[in-house]
């Protein structure tokens, strides 16, 4: 364990983290519920690709992604709270052979092009 890992959060750190979390308004599992991914594994791959995009663009991950644990069917499962941008990146990086994902991708492109 390093000193950085052992350091406690200051009130300012807690405040900054709270502000960042207000932007995390989506859950990754929403895509599962919409049948946009068939499994948690597929969802995890889309999340991984979305985080790679953010990392490549030097966007702070803590402002866009947060691992959380939620109850589903009596089990505790991993989920992610996402910013709207991270959610869209996840959808763009999901399986495009899925009808829900493909339609969403086309809709996003149409909106971008003002069609």
PDB file of N, CA and C in Angstrom:
ATOM      1  N   UNK A   1       0.849  -1.170   0.000  1.00  0.00           N
ATOM      2  CA  UNK A   1       0.000   0.000   0.000  1.00  0.00           C
ATOM      3  C   UNK A   1       0.898   1.237   0.000  1.00  0.00           C
ATOM      4  N   UNK A   2       0.590   2.191  -0.850  1.00  0.00           N
ATOM      5  CA  UNK A   2       1.372   3.417  -0.898  1.00  0.00           C
ATOM      6  C   UNK A   2       0.750   4.465   0.002  1.00  0.00           C
ATOM      7  N   UNK A   3       1.486   5.541   0.221  1.00  0.00           N
ATOM      8  CA  UNK A   3       0.973   6.639   1.042  1.00  0.00           C
ATOM      9  C   UNK A   3      -0.280   7.223   0.399  1.00  0.00           C
ATOM     10  N   UNK A   4      -0.293   7.329  -0.922  1.00  0.00           N
ATOM     11  CA  UNK A   4      -1.454   7.882  -1.623  1.00  0.00           C
ATOM     12  C   UNK A   4      -2.701   7.031  -1.374  1.00  0.00           C
ATOM     13  N   UNK A   5      -2.546   5.710  -1.348  1.00  0.00           N
ATOM     14  CA  UNK A   5      -3.682   4.833  -1.129  1.00  0.00           C
ATOM     15  C   UNK A   5      -4.196   4.928   0.305  1.00  0.00           C
ATOM     16  N   UNK A   6      -3.293   5.216   1.237  1.00  0.00           N
ATOM     17  CA  UNK A   6      -3.645   5.254   2.647  1.00  0.00           C
ATOM     18  C   UNK A   6      -4.211   6.622   3.062  1.00  0.00           C
ATOM     19  N   UNK A   7      -4.001   7.641   2.252  1.00  0.00           N
ATOM     20  CA  UNK A   7      -4.418   8.998   2.576  1.00  0.00           C
ATOM     21  C   UNK A   7      -5.935   9.076   2.674  1.00  0.00           C
ATOM     22  N   UNK A   8      -6.418   9.731   3.692  1.00  0.00           N
ATOM     23  CA  UNK A   8      -7.870   9.904   3.816  1.00  0.00           C
ATOM     24  C   UNK A   8      -8.292  11.101   2.981  1.00  0.00           C
ATOM     25  N   UNK A   9      -9.551  11.110   2.582  1.00  0.00           N
ATOM     26  CA  UNK A   9     -10.078  12.201   1.777  1.00  0.00           C
ATOM     27  C   UNK A   9     -10.291  13.434   2.647  1.00  0.00           C
ATOM     28  N   UNK A  10      -9.890  14.562   2.107  1.00  0.00           N
ATOM     29  CA  UNK A  10     -10.159  15.818   2.789  1.00  0.00           C
ATOM     30  C   UNK A  10     -11.577  16.249   2.466  1.00  0.00           C
ATOM     31  N   UNK A  11     -12.128  17.175   3.204  1.00  0.00           N
ATOM     32  CA  UNK A  11     -13.467  17.668   2.851  1.00  0.00           C
ATOM     33  C   UNK A  11     -13.528  18.198   1.413  1.00  0.00           C
ATOM     34  N   UNK A  12     -12.448  18.820   0.948  1.00  0.00           N
ATOM     35  CA  UNK A  12     -12.432  19.317  -0.432  1.00  0.00           C
ATOM     36  C   UNK A  12     -12.484  18.155  -1.421  1.00  0.00           C
ATOM     37  N   UNK A  13     -11.726  17.089  -1.159  1.00  0.00           N
ATOM     38  CA  UNK A  13     -11.772  15.902  -2.019  1.00  0.00           C
ATOM     39  C   UNK A  13     -13.180  15.324  -2.065  1.00  0.00           C
ATOM     40  N   UNK A  14     -13.803  15.234  -0.907  1.00  0.00           N
ATOM     41  CA  UNK A  14     -15.175  14.707  -0.835  1.00  0.00           C
ATOM     42  C   UNK A  14     -16.145  15.585  -1.615  1.00  0.00           C
ATOM     43  N   UNK A  15     -15.982  16.899  -1.524  1.00  0.00           N
ATOM     44  CA  UNK A  15     -16.841  17.828  -2.251  1.00  0.00           C
ATOM     45  C   UNK A  15     -16.669  17.666  -3.760  1.00  0.00           C
ATOM     46  N   UNK A  16     -15.432  17.591  -4.207  1.00  0.00           N
ATOM     47  CA  UNK A  16     -15.153  17.431  -5.640  1.00  0.00           C
ATOM     48  C   UNK A  16     -15.720  16.117  -6.149  1.00  0.00           C
ATOM     49  N   UNK A  17     -15.575  15.057  -5.369  1.00  0.00           N
ATOM     50  CA  UNK A  17     -16.135  13.755  -5.749  1.00  0.00           C
ATOM     51  C   UNK A  17     -17.662  13.816  -5.823  1.00  0.00           C
ATOM     52  N   UNK A  18     -18.282  14.514  -4.887  1.00  0.00           N
ATOM     53  CA  UNK A  18     -19.745  14.658  -4.893  1.00  0.00           C
ATOM     54  C   UNK A  18     -20.225  15.408  -6.120  1.00  0.00           C
ATOM     55  N   UNK A  19     -19.512  16.467  -6.488  1.00  0.00           N
ATOM     56  CA  UNK A  19     -19.872  17.235  -7.684  1.00  0.00           C
ATOM     57  C   UNK A  19     -19.764  16.345  -8.924  1.00  0.00           C
ATOM     58  N   UNK A  20     -18.676  15.589  -9.030  1.00  0.00           N
ATOM     59  CA  UNK A  20     -18.492  14.699 -10.186  1.00  0.00           C
ATOM     60  C   UNK A  20     -19.612  13.665 -10.254  1.00  0.00           C
ATOM     61  N   UNK A  21     -20.025  13.140  -9.095  1.00  0.00           N
ATOM     62  CA  UNK A  21     -21.057  12.100  -9.078  1.00  0.00           C
ATOM     63  C   UNK A  21     -22.426  12.613  -9.506  1.00  0.00           C
ATOM     64  N   UNK A  22     -22.686  13.910  -9.397  1.00  0.00           N
ATOM     65  CA  UNK A  22     -23.988  14.433  -9.822  1.00  0.00           C
ATOM     66  C   UNK A  22     -24.184  14.277 -11.326  1.00  0.00           C
ATOM     67  N   UNK A  23     -23.079  14.123 -12.067  1.00  0.00           N
ATOM     68  CA  UNK A  23     -23.157  13.953 -13.519  1.00  0.00           C
ATOM     69  C   UNK A  23     -23.384  12.500 -13.927  1.00  0.00           C
ATOM     70  N   UNK A  24     -23.302  11.583 -12.971  1.00  0.00           N
ATOM     71  CA  UNK A  24     -23.449  10.158 -13.265  1.00  0.00           C
ATOM     72  C   UNK A  24     -24.921   9.781 -13.129  1.00  0.00           C
ATOM     73  N   UNK A  25     -25.670  10.064 -14.178  1.00  0.00           N
ATOM     74  CA  UNK A  25     -27.130   9.952 -14.125  1.00  0.00           C
ATOM     75  C   UNK A  25     -27.687   8.695 -14.786  1.00  0.00           C
ATOM     76  N   UNK A  26     -26.832   7.875 -15.370  1.00  0.00           N
ATOM     77  CA  UNK A  26     -27.287   6.674 -16.082  1.00  0.00           C
ATOM     78  C   UNK A  26     -26.670   5.431 -15.445  1.00  0.00           C
ATOM     79  N   UNK A  27     -27.328   4.306 -15.639  1.00  0.00           N
ATOM     80  CA  UNK A  27     -26.771   3.015 -15.228  1.00  0.00           C
ATOM     81  C   UNK A  27     -26.483   2.190 -16.473  1.00  0.00           C
ATOM     82  N   UNK A  28     -25.345   1.526 -16.495  1.00  0.00           N
ATOM     83  CA  UNK A  28     -24.997   0.667 -17.622  1.00  0.00           C
ATOM     84  C   UNK A  28     -26.031  -0.446 -17.799  1.00  0.00           C
ATOM     85  N   UNK A  29     -26.557  -0.942 -16.692  1.00  0.00           N
ATOM     86  CA  UNK A  29     -27.523  -2.050 -16.771  1.00  0.00           C
ATOM     87  C   UNK A  29     -28.810  -1.652 -17.487  1.00  0.00           C
ATOM     88  N   UNK A  30     -29.048  -0.356 -17.671  1.00  0.00           N
ATOM     89  CA  UNK A  30     -30.218   0.075 -18.437  1.00  0.00           C
ATOM     90  C   UNK A  30     -30.183  -0.514 -19.842  1.00  0.00           C
ATOM     91  N   UNK A  31     -28.972  -0.649 -20.403  1.00  0.00           N
ATOM     92  CA  UNK A  31     -28.844  -1.232 -21.736  1.00  0.00           C
ATOM     93  C   UNK A  31     -29.225  -2.711 -21.722  1.00  0.00           C
ATOM     94  N   UNK A  32     -28.938  -3.397 -20.634  1.00  0.00           N
ATOM     95  CA  UNK A  32     -29.375  -4.804 -20.495  1.00  0.00           C
ATOM     96  C   UNK A  32     -30.898  -4.884 -20.454  1.00  0.00           C
ATOM     97  N   UNK A  33     -31.508  -3.991 -19.680  1.00  0.00           N
ATOM     98  CA  UNK A  33     -32.963  -3.999 -19.554  1.00  0.00           C
ATOM     99  C   UNK A  33     -33.642  -3.684 -20.876  1.00  0.00           C
ATOM    100  N   UNK A  34     -32.991  -2.887 -21.718  1.00  0.00           N
ATOM    101  CA  UNK A  34     -33.550  -2.550 -23.031  1.00  0.00           C
ATOM    102  C   UNK A  34     -33.220  -3.615 -24.074  1.00  0.00           C
ATOM    103  N   UNK A  35     -32.584  -4.678 -23.633  1.00  0.00           N
ATOM    104  CA  UNK A  35     -32.170  -5.791 -24.502  1.00  0.00           C
ATOM    105  C   UNK A  35     -31.104  -5.367 -25.498  1.00  0.00           C
ATOM    106  N   UNK A  36     -30.300  -4.354 -25.117  1.00  0.00           N
ATOM    107  CA  UNK A  36     -29.206  -3.891 -25.972  1.00  0.00           C
ATOM    108  C   UNK A  36     -27.943  -4.713 -25.793  1.00  0.00           C
ATOM    109  N   UNK A  37     -27.847  -5.457 -24.724  1.00  0.00           N
ATOM    110  CA  UNK A  37     -26.765  -6.411 -24.473  1.00  0.00           C
ATOM    111  C   UNK A  37     -27.410  -7.684 -23.964  1.00  0.00           C
ATOM    112  N   UNK A  38     -26.780  -8.795 -24.285  1.00  0.00           N
ATOM    113  CA  UNK A  38     -27.358 -10.081 -23.897  1.00  0.00           C
ATOM    114  C   UNK A  38     -26.827 -10.595 -22.569  1.00  0.00           C
ATOM    115  N   UNK A  39     -25.697 -10.040 -22.088  1.00  0.00           N
ATOM    116  CA  UNK A  39     -25.102 -10.548 -20.854  1.00  0.00           C
ATOM    117  C   UNK A  39     -24.286  -9.468 -20.172  1.00  0.00           C
ATOM    118  N   UNK A  40     -23.970  -9.703 -18.906  1.00  0.00           N
ATOM    119  CA  UNK A  40     -23.093  -8.785 -18.184  1.00  0.00           C
ATOM    120  C   UNK A  40     -21.708  -8.764 -18.812  1.00  0.00           C
ATOM    121  N   UNK A  41     -21.281  -9.878 -19.364  1.00  0.00           N
ATOM    122  CA  UNK A  41     -19.980  -9.948 -20.026  1.00  0.00           C
ATOM    123  C   UNK A  41     -19.946  -9.020 -21.247  1.00  0.00           C
ATOM    124  N   UNK A  42     -20.997  -9.069 -22.046  1.00  0.00           N
ATOM    125  CA  UNK A  42     -21.093  -8.202 -23.223  1.00  0.00           C
ATOM    126  C   UNK A  42     -21.146  -6.731 -22.792  1.00  0.00           C
ATOM    127  N   UNK A  43     -21.886  -6.462 -21.747  1.00  0.00           N
ATOM    128  CA  UNK A  43     -21.977  -5.104 -21.211  1.00  0.00           C
ATOM    129  C   UNK A  43     -20.607  -4.635 -20.715  1.00  0.00           C
ATOM    130  N   UNK A  44     -19.890  -5.505 -20.037  1.00  0.00           N
ATOM    131  CA  UNK A  44     -18.554  -5.166 -19.527  1.00  0.00           C
ATOM    132  C   UNK A  44     -17.593  -4.823 -20.660  1.00  0.00           C
ATOM    133  N   UNK A  45     -17.701  -5.541 -21.771  1.00  0.00           N
ATOM    134  CA  UNK A  45     -16.847  -5.245 -22.928  1.00  0.00           C
ATOM    135  C   UNK A  45     -17.147  -3.852 -23.489  1.00  0.00           C
ATOM    136  N   UNK A  46     -18.416  -3.503 -23.577  1.00  0.00           N
ATOM    137  CA  UNK A  46     -18.793  -2.179 -24.076  1.00  0.00           C
ATOM    138  C   UNK A  46     -18.289  -1.094 -23.127  1.00  0.00           C
ATOM    139  N   UNK A  47     -18.379  -1.336 -21.826  1.00  0.00           N
ATOM    140  CA  UNK A  47     -17.867  -0.384 -20.833  1.00  0.00           C
ATOM    141  C   UNK A  47     -16.356  -0.242 -20.982  1.00  0.00           C
ATOM    142  N   UNK A  48     -15.658  -1.367 -21.125  1.00  0.00           N
ATOM    143  CA  UNK A  48     -14.200  -1.330 -21.268  1.00  0.00           C
ATOM    144  C   UNK A  48     -13.808  -0.495 -22.486  1.00  0.00           C
ATOM    145  N   UNK A  49     -14.494  -0.705 -23.602  1.00  0.00           N
ATOM    146  CA  UNK A  49     -14.183   0.069 -24.814  1.00  0.00           C
ATOM    147  C   UNK A  49     -14.469   1.554 -24.605  1.00  0.00           C
ATOM    148  N   UNK A  50     -15.570   1.857 -23.923  1.00  0.00           N
ATOM    149  CA  UNK A  50     -15.913   3.260 -23.655  1.00  0.00           C
ATOM    150  C   UNK A  50     -14.858   3.915 -22.761  1.00  0.00           C
ATOM    151  N   UNK A  51     -14.355   3.183 -21.765  1.00  0.00           N
ATOM    152  CA  UNK A  51     -13.305   3.753 -20.906  1.00  0.00           C
ATOM    153  C   UNK A  51     -12.012   3.943 -21.693  1.00  0.00           C
ATOM    154  N   UNK A  52     -11.755   3.059 -22.652  1.00  0.00           N
ATOM    155  CA  UNK A  52     -10.562   3.212 -23.496  1.00  0.00           C
ATOM    156  C   UNK A  52     -10.660   4.483 -24.338  1.00  0.00           C
ATOM    157  N   UNK A  53     -11.859   4.788 -24.839  1.00  0.00           N
ATOM    158  CA  UNK A  53     -12.059   6.032 -25.594  1.00  0.00           C
ATOM    159  C   UNK A  53     -11.756   7.231 -24.708  1.00  0.00           C
ATOM    160  N   UNK A  54     -12.305   7.230 -23.503  1.00  0.00           N
ATOM    161  CA  UNK A  54     -12.069   8.348 -22.575  1.00  0.00           C
ATOM    162  C   UNK A  54     -10.593   8.474 -22.228  1.00  0.00           C
ATOM    163  N   UNK A  55      -9.943   7.351 -21.994  1.00  0.00           N
ATOM    164  CA  UNK A  55      -8.516   7.379 -21.674  1.00  0.00           C
ATOM    165  C   UNK A  55      -7.716   7.936 -22.848  1.00  0.00           C
ATOM    166  N   UNK A  56      -8.043   7.504 -24.053  1.00  0.00           N
ATOM    167  CA  UNK A  56      -7.345   7.998 -25.247  1.00  0.00           C
ATOM    168  C   UNK A  56      -7.521   9.503 -25.431  1.00  0.00           C
ATOM    169  N   UNK A  57      -8.681   9.997 -25.036  1.00  0.00           N
ATOM    170  CA  UNK A  57      -8.967  11.426 -25.187  1.00  0.00           C
ATOM    171  C   UNK A  57      -8.625  12.234 -23.925  1.00  0.00           C
ATOM    172  N   UNK A  58      -8.003  11.574 -22.942  1.00  0.00           N
ATOM    173  CA  UNK A  58      -7.594  12.209 -21.681  1.00  0.00           C
ATOM    174  C   UNK A  58      -8.777  12.813 -20.933  1.00  0.00           C
ATOM    175  N   UNK A  59      -9.910  12.115 -20.990  1.00  0.00           N
ATOM    176  CA  UNK A  59     -11.089  12.526 -20.231  1.00  0.00           C
ATOM    177  C   UNK A  59     -11.068  11.807 -18.893  1.00  0.00           C
ATOM    178  N   UNK A  60     -11.349  12.508 -17.808  1.00  0.00           N
ATOM    179  CA  UNK A  60     -11.262  11.874 -16.489  1.00  0.00           C
ATOM    180  C   UNK A  60     -12.316  10.781 -16.298  1.00  0.00           C
ATOM    181  N   UNK A  61     -11.851   9.586 -16.008  1.00  0.00           N
ATOM    182  CA  UNK A  61     -12.760   8.460 -15.826  1.00  0.00           C
ATOM    183  C   UNK A  61     -13.678   8.664 -14.638  1.00  0.00           C
ATOM    184  N   UNK A  62     -13.166   9.248 -13.554  1.00  0.00           N
ATOM    185  CA  UNK A  62     -13.987   9.414 -12.347  1.00  0.00           C
ATOM    186  C   UNK A  62     -15.162  10.357 -12.577  1.00  0.00           C
ATOM    187  N   UNK A  63     -15.107  11.176 -13.605  1.00  0.00           N
ATOM    188  CA  UNK A  63     -16.232  12.065 -13.927  1.00  0.00           C
ATOM    189  C   UNK A  63     -17.240  11.404 -14.857  1.00  0.00           C
ATOM    190  N   UNK A  64     -16.916  10.211 -15.335  1.00  0.00           N
ATOM    191  CA  UNK A  64     -17.781   9.551 -16.311  1.00  0.00           C
ATOM    192  C   UNK A  64     -18.195   8.131 -15.962  1.00  0.00           C
ATOM    193  N   UNK A  65     -17.451   7.467 -15.083  1.00  0.00           N
ATOM    194  CA  UNK A  65     -17.720   6.070 -14.742  1.00  0.00           C
ATOM    195  C   UNK A  65     -17.534   5.852 -13.246  1.00  0.00           C
ATOM    196  N   UNK A  66     -18.421   5.078 -12.651  1.00  0.00           N
ATOM    197  CA  UNK A  66     -18.238   4.679 -11.258  1.00  0.00           C
ATOM    198  C   UNK A  66     -18.832   3.285 -11.080  1.00  0.00           C
ATOM    199  N   UNK A  67     -18.021   2.378 -10.576  1.00  0.00           N
ATOM    200  CA  UNK A  67     -18.504   1.025 -10.292  1.00  0.00           C
ATOM    201  C   UNK A  67     -19.410   1.107  -9.066  1.00  0.00           C
ATOM    202  N   UNK A  68     -20.571   0.480  -9.173  1.00  0.00           N
ATOM    203  CA  UNK A  68     -21.510   0.389  -8.055  1.00  0.00           C
ATOM    204  C   UNK A  68     -22.001  -1.055  -7.983  1.00  0.00           C
ATOM    205  N   UNK A  69     -22.616  -1.387  -6.882  1.00  0.00           N
ATOM    206  CA  UNK A  69     -23.188  -2.725  -6.718  1.00  0.00           C
ATOM    207  C   UNK A  69     -24.665  -2.568  -6.414  1.00  0.00           C
ATOM    208  N   UNK A  70     -25.478  -3.337  -7.138  1.00  0.00           N
ATOM    209  CA  UNK A  70     -26.926  -3.235  -7.012  1.00  0.00           C
ATOM    210  C   UNK A  70     -27.523  -4.624  -6.838  1.00  0.00           C
ATOM    211  N   UNK A  71     -28.727  -4.644  -6.343  1.00  0.00           N
ATOM    212  CA  UNK A  71     -29.440  -5.897  -6.176  1.00  0.00           C
ATOM    213  C   UNK A  71     -30.248  -6.188  -7.435  1.00  0.00           C
ATOM    214  N   UNK A  72     -30.114  -7.408  -7.938  1.00  0.00           N
ATOM    215  CA  UNK A  72     -30.922  -7.846  -9.078  1.00  0.00           C
ATOM    216  C   UNK A  72     -31.336  -9.288  -8.834  1.00  0.00           C
ATOM    217  N   UNK A  73     -32.637  -9.515  -8.770  1.00  0.00           N
ATOM    218  CA  UNK A  73     -33.181 -10.857  -8.534  1.00  0.00           C
ATOM    219  C   UNK A  73     -32.592 -11.497  -7.279  1.00  0.00           C
ATOM    220  N   UNK A  74     -32.454 -10.705  -6.231  1.00  0.00           N
ATOM    221  CA  UNK A  74     -31.955 -11.230  -4.967  1.00  0.00           C
ATOM    222  C   UNK A  74     -30.454 -11.411  -4.896  1.00  0.00           C
ATOM    223  N   UNK A  75     -29.737 -11.021  -5.939  1.00  0.00           N
ATOM    224  CA  UNK A  75     -28.279 -11.119  -5.964  1.00  0.00           C
ATOM    225  C   UNK A  75     -27.677  -9.728  -6.022  1.00  0.00           C
ATOM    226  N   UNK A  76     -26.483  -9.583  -5.490  1.00  0.00           N
ATOM    227  CA  UNK A  76     -25.742  -8.331  -5.622  1.00  0.00           C
ATOM    228  C   UNK A  76     -24.867  -8.458  -6.862  1.00  0.00           C
ATOM    229  N   UNK A  77     -25.050  -7.533  -7.808  1.00  0.00           N
ATOM    230  CA  UNK A  77     -24.301  -7.569  -9.064  1.00  0.00           C
ATOM    231  C   UNK A  77     -23.610  -6.236  -9.289  1.00  0.00           C
ATOM    232  N   UNK A  78     -22.517  -6.309 -10.023  1.00  0.00           N
ATOM    233  CA  UNK A  78     -21.785  -5.094 -10.366  1.00  0.00           C
ATOM    234  C   UNK A  78     -22.527  -4.336 -11.453  1.00  0.00           C
ATOM    235  N   UNK A  79     -22.537  -3.038 -11.341  1.00  0.00           N
ATOM    236  CA  UNK A  79     -23.122  -2.152 -12.339  1.00  0.00           C
ATOM    237  C   UNK A  79     -22.207  -0.938 -12.422  1.00  0.00           C
ATOM    238  N   UNK A  80     -22.544  -0.007 -13.261  1.00  0.00           N
ATOM    239  CA  UNK A  80     -21.772   1.216 -13.388  1.00  0.00           C
ATOM    240  C   UNK A  80     -22.723   2.391 -13.466  1.00  0.00           C
ATOM    241  N   UNK A  81     -22.407   3.453 -12.741  1.00  0.00           N
ATOM    242  CA  UNK A  81     -23.099   4.724 -12.936  1.00  0.00           C
ATOM    243  C   UNK A  81     -22.276   5.477 -13.962  1.00  0.00           C
ATOM    244  N   UNK A  82     -22.977   6.061 -14.939  1.00  0.00           N
ATOM    245  CA  UNK A  82     -22.306   6.693 -16.072  1.00  0.00           C
ATOM    246  C   UNK A  82     -22.817   8.099 -16.299  1.00  0.00           C
ATOM    247  N   UNK A  83     -21.953   8.929 -16.848  1.00  0.00           N
ATOM    248  CA  UNK A  83     -22.405  10.221 -17.349  1.00  0.00           C
ATOM    249  C   UNK A  83     -23.161   9.948 -18.652  1.00  0.00           C
ATOM    250  N   UNK A  84     -23.984  10.886 -19.107  1.00  0.00           N
ATOM    251  CA  UNK A  84     -24.663  10.676 -20.397  1.00  0.00           C
ATOM    252  C   UNK A  84     -23.671  10.412 -21.534  1.00  0.00           C
ATOM    253  N   UNK A  85     -22.531  11.105 -21.527  1.00  0.00           N
ATOM    254  CA  UNK A  85     -21.537  10.873 -22.574  1.00  0.00           C
ATOM    255  C   UNK A  85     -20.995   9.446 -22.489  1.00  0.00           C
ATOM    256  N   UNK A  86     -20.690   8.983 -21.290  1.00  0.00           N
ATOM    257  CA  UNK A  86     -20.174   7.625 -21.129  1.00  0.00           C
ATOM    258  C   UNK A  86     -21.216   6.593 -21.560  1.00  0.00           C
ATOM    259  N   UNK A  87     -22.493   6.870 -21.263  1.00  0.00           N
ATOM    260  CA  UNK A  87     -23.553   5.948 -21.678  1.00  0.00           C
ATOM    261  C   UNK A  87     -23.604   5.859 -23.206  1.00  0.00           C
ATOM    262  N   UNK A  88     -23.523   6.994 -23.862  1.00  0.00           N
ATOM    263  CA  UNK A  88     -23.550   6.985 -25.330  1.00  0.00           C
ATOM    264  C   UNK A  88     -22.323   6.283 -25.903  1.00  0.00           C
ATOM    265  N   UNK A  89     -21.154   6.511 -25.289  1.00  0.00           N
ATOM    266  CA  UNK A  89     -19.952   5.806 -25.736  1.00  0.00           C
ATOM    267  C   UNK A  89     -20.108   4.300 -25.555  1.00  0.00           C
ATOM    268  N   UNK A  90     -20.740   3.899 -24.465  1.00  0.00           N
ATOM    269  CA  UNK A  90     -20.979   2.477 -24.233  1.00  0.00           C
ATOM    270  C   UNK A  90     -21.875   1.901 -25.342  1.00  0.00           C
ATOM    271  N   UNK A  91     -22.940   2.616 -25.686  1.00  0.00           N
ATOM    272  CA  UNK A  91     -23.840   2.146 -26.742  1.00  0.00           C
ATOM    273  C   UNK A  91     -23.112   2.088 -28.084  1.00  0.00           C
ATOM    274  N   UNK A  92     -22.295   3.091 -28.366  1.00  0.00           N
ATOM    275  CA  UNK A  92     -21.529   3.082 -29.610  1.00  0.00           C
ATOM    276  C   UNK A  92     -20.560   1.908 -29.682  1.00  0.00           C
ATOM    277  N   UNK A  93     -20.129   1.428 -28.524  1.00  0.00           N
ATOM    278  CA  UNK A  93     -19.166   0.343 -28.471  1.00  0.00           C
ATOM    279  C   UNK A  93     -19.782  -1.012 -28.149  1.00  0.00           C
ATOM    280  N   UNK A  94     -21.097  -1.079 -28.117  1.00  0.00           N
ATOM    281  CA  UNK A  94     -21.790  -2.345 -27.889  1.00  0.00           C
ATOM    282  C   UNK A  94     -21.908  -3.097 -29.215  1.00  0.00           C
ATOM    283  N   UNK A  95     -22.469  -4.280 -29.164  1.00  0.00           N
ATOM    284  CA  UNK A  95     -22.597  -5.140 -30.335  1.00  0.00           C
ATOM    285  C   UNK A  95     -23.575  -4.531 -31.345  1.00  0.00           C
ATOM    286  N   UNK A  96     -23.060  -4.083 -32.467  1.00  0.00           N
ATOM    287  CA  UNK A  96     -23.896  -3.414 -33.475  1.00  0.00           C
ATOM    288  C   UNK A  96     -24.806  -4.389 -34.218  1.00  0.00           C
ATOM    289  N   UNK A  97     -24.668  -5.687 -33.995  1.00  0.00           N
ATOM    290  CA  UNK A  97     -25.584  -6.652 -34.599  1.00  0.00           C
ATOM    291  C   UNK A  97     -26.876  -6.742 -33.799  1.00  0.00           C
ATOM    292  N   UNK A  98     -26.901  -6.137 -32.633  1.00  0.00           N
ATOM    293  CA  UNK A  98     -28.098  -6.087 -31.808  1.00  0.00           C
ATOM    294  C   UNK A  98     -28.997  -4.977 -32.349  1.00  0.00           C
ATOM    295  N   UNK A  99     -30.276  -5.272 -32.568  1.00  0.00           N
ATOM    296  CA  UNK A  99     -31.199  -4.302 -33.154  1.00  0.00           C
ATOM    297  C   UNK A  99     -31.310  -3.020 -32.332  1.00  0.00           C
ATOM    298  N   UNK A 100     -31.396  -3.145 -31.007  1.00  0.00           N
ATOM    299  CA  UNK A 100     -31.521  -1.967 -30.147  1.00  0.00           C
ATOM    300  C   UNK A 100     -30.289  -1.076 -30.287  1.00  0.00           C
ATOM    301  N   UNK A 101     -29.127  -1.690 -30.268  1.00  0.00           N
ATOM    302  CA  UNK A 101     -27.875  -0.942 -30.387  1.00  0.00           C
ATOM    303  C   UNK A 101     -27.774  -0.298 -31.763  1.00  0.00           C
ATOM    304  N   UNK A 102     -28.052  -1.048 -32.807  1.00  0.00           N
ATOM    305  CA  UNK A 102     -27.950  -0.519 -34.172  1.00  0.00           C
ATOM    306  C   UNK A 102     -28.904   0.659 -34.385  1.00  0.00           C
ATOM    307  N   UNK A 103     -30.142   0.532 -33.909  1.00  0.00           N
ATOM    308  CA  UNK A 103     -31.101   1.636 -34.051  1.00  0.00           C
ATOM    309  C   UNK A 103     -30.631   2.869 -33.288  1.00  0.00           C
ATOM    310  N   UNK A 104     -30.098   2.656 -32.088  1.00  0.00           N
ATOM    311  CA  UNK A 104     -29.616   3.774 -31.288  1.00  0.00           C
ATOM    312  C   UNK A 104     -28.425   4.440 -31.962  1.00  0.00           C
ATOM    313  N   UNK A 105     -27.533   3.651 -32.520  1.00  0.00           N
ATOM    314  CA  UNK A 105     -26.377   4.211 -33.216  1.00  0.00           C
ATOM    315  C   UNK A 105     -26.816   5.051 -34.416  1.00  0.00           C
ATOM    316  N   UNK A 106     -27.760   4.548 -35.192  1.00  0.00           N
ATOM    317  CA  UNK A 106     -28.266   5.300 -36.345  1.00  0.00           C
ATOM    318  C   UNK A 106     -28.943   6.591 -35.880  1.00  0.00           C
ATOM    319  N   UNK A 107     -29.734   6.510 -34.825  1.00  0.00           N
ATOM    320  CA  UNK A 107     -30.412   7.696 -34.294  1.00  0.00           C
ATOM    321  C   UNK A 107     -29.402   8.738 -33.823  1.00  0.00           C
ATOM    322  N   UNK A 108     -28.339   8.295 -33.180  1.00  0.00           N
ATOM    323  CA  UNK A 108     -27.315   9.232 -32.715  1.00  0.00           C
ATOM    324  C   UNK A 108     -26.638   9.922 -33.897  1.00  0.00           C
ATOM    325  N   UNK A 109     -26.343   9.174 -34.938  1.00  0.00           N
ATOM    326  CA  UNK A 109     -25.722   9.759 -36.130  1.00  0.00           C
ATOM    327  C   UNK A 109     -26.677  10.739 -36.799  1.00  0.00           C
ATOM    328  N   UNK A 110     -27.954  10.380 -36.908  1.00  0.00           N
ATOM    329  CA  UNK A 110     -28.945  11.273 -37.519  1.00  0.00           C
ATOM    330  C   UNK A 110     -29.038  12.586 -36.741  1.00  0.00           C
ATOM    331  N   UNK A 111     -29.063  12.485 -35.415  1.00  0.00           N
ATOM    332  CA  UNK A 111     -29.128  13.699 -34.596  1.00  0.00           C
ATOM    333  C   UNK A 111     -27.886  14.561 -34.780  1.00  0.00           C
ATOM    334  N   UNK A 112     -26.733  13.909 -34.871  1.00  0.00           N
ATOM    335  CA  UNK A 112     -25.476  14.636 -35.062  1.00  0.00           C
ATOM    336  C   UNK A 112     -25.482  15.378 -36.400  1.00  0.00           C
ATOM    337  N   UNK A 113     -26.068  14.754 -37.406  1.00  0.00           N
ATOM    338  CA  UNK A 113     -26.120  15.347 -38.739  1.00  0.00           C
ATOM    339  C   UNK A 113     -27.359  16.214 -38.957  1.00  0.00           C
ATOM    340  N   UNK A 114     -28.182  16.331 -37.898  1.00  0.00           N
ATOM    341  CA  UNK A 114     -29.418  17.104 -37.962  1.00  0.00           C
ATOM    342  C   UNK A 114     -30.350  16.614 -39.055  1.00  0.00           C
ATOM    343  N   UNK A 115     -30.487  15.314 -39.178  1.00  0.00           N
ATOM    344  CA  UNK A 115     -31.384  14.728 -40.198  1.00  0.00           C
ATOM    345  C   UNK A 115     -32.751  14.447 -39.619  1.00  0.00           C
TER     346      UNK A 115
END
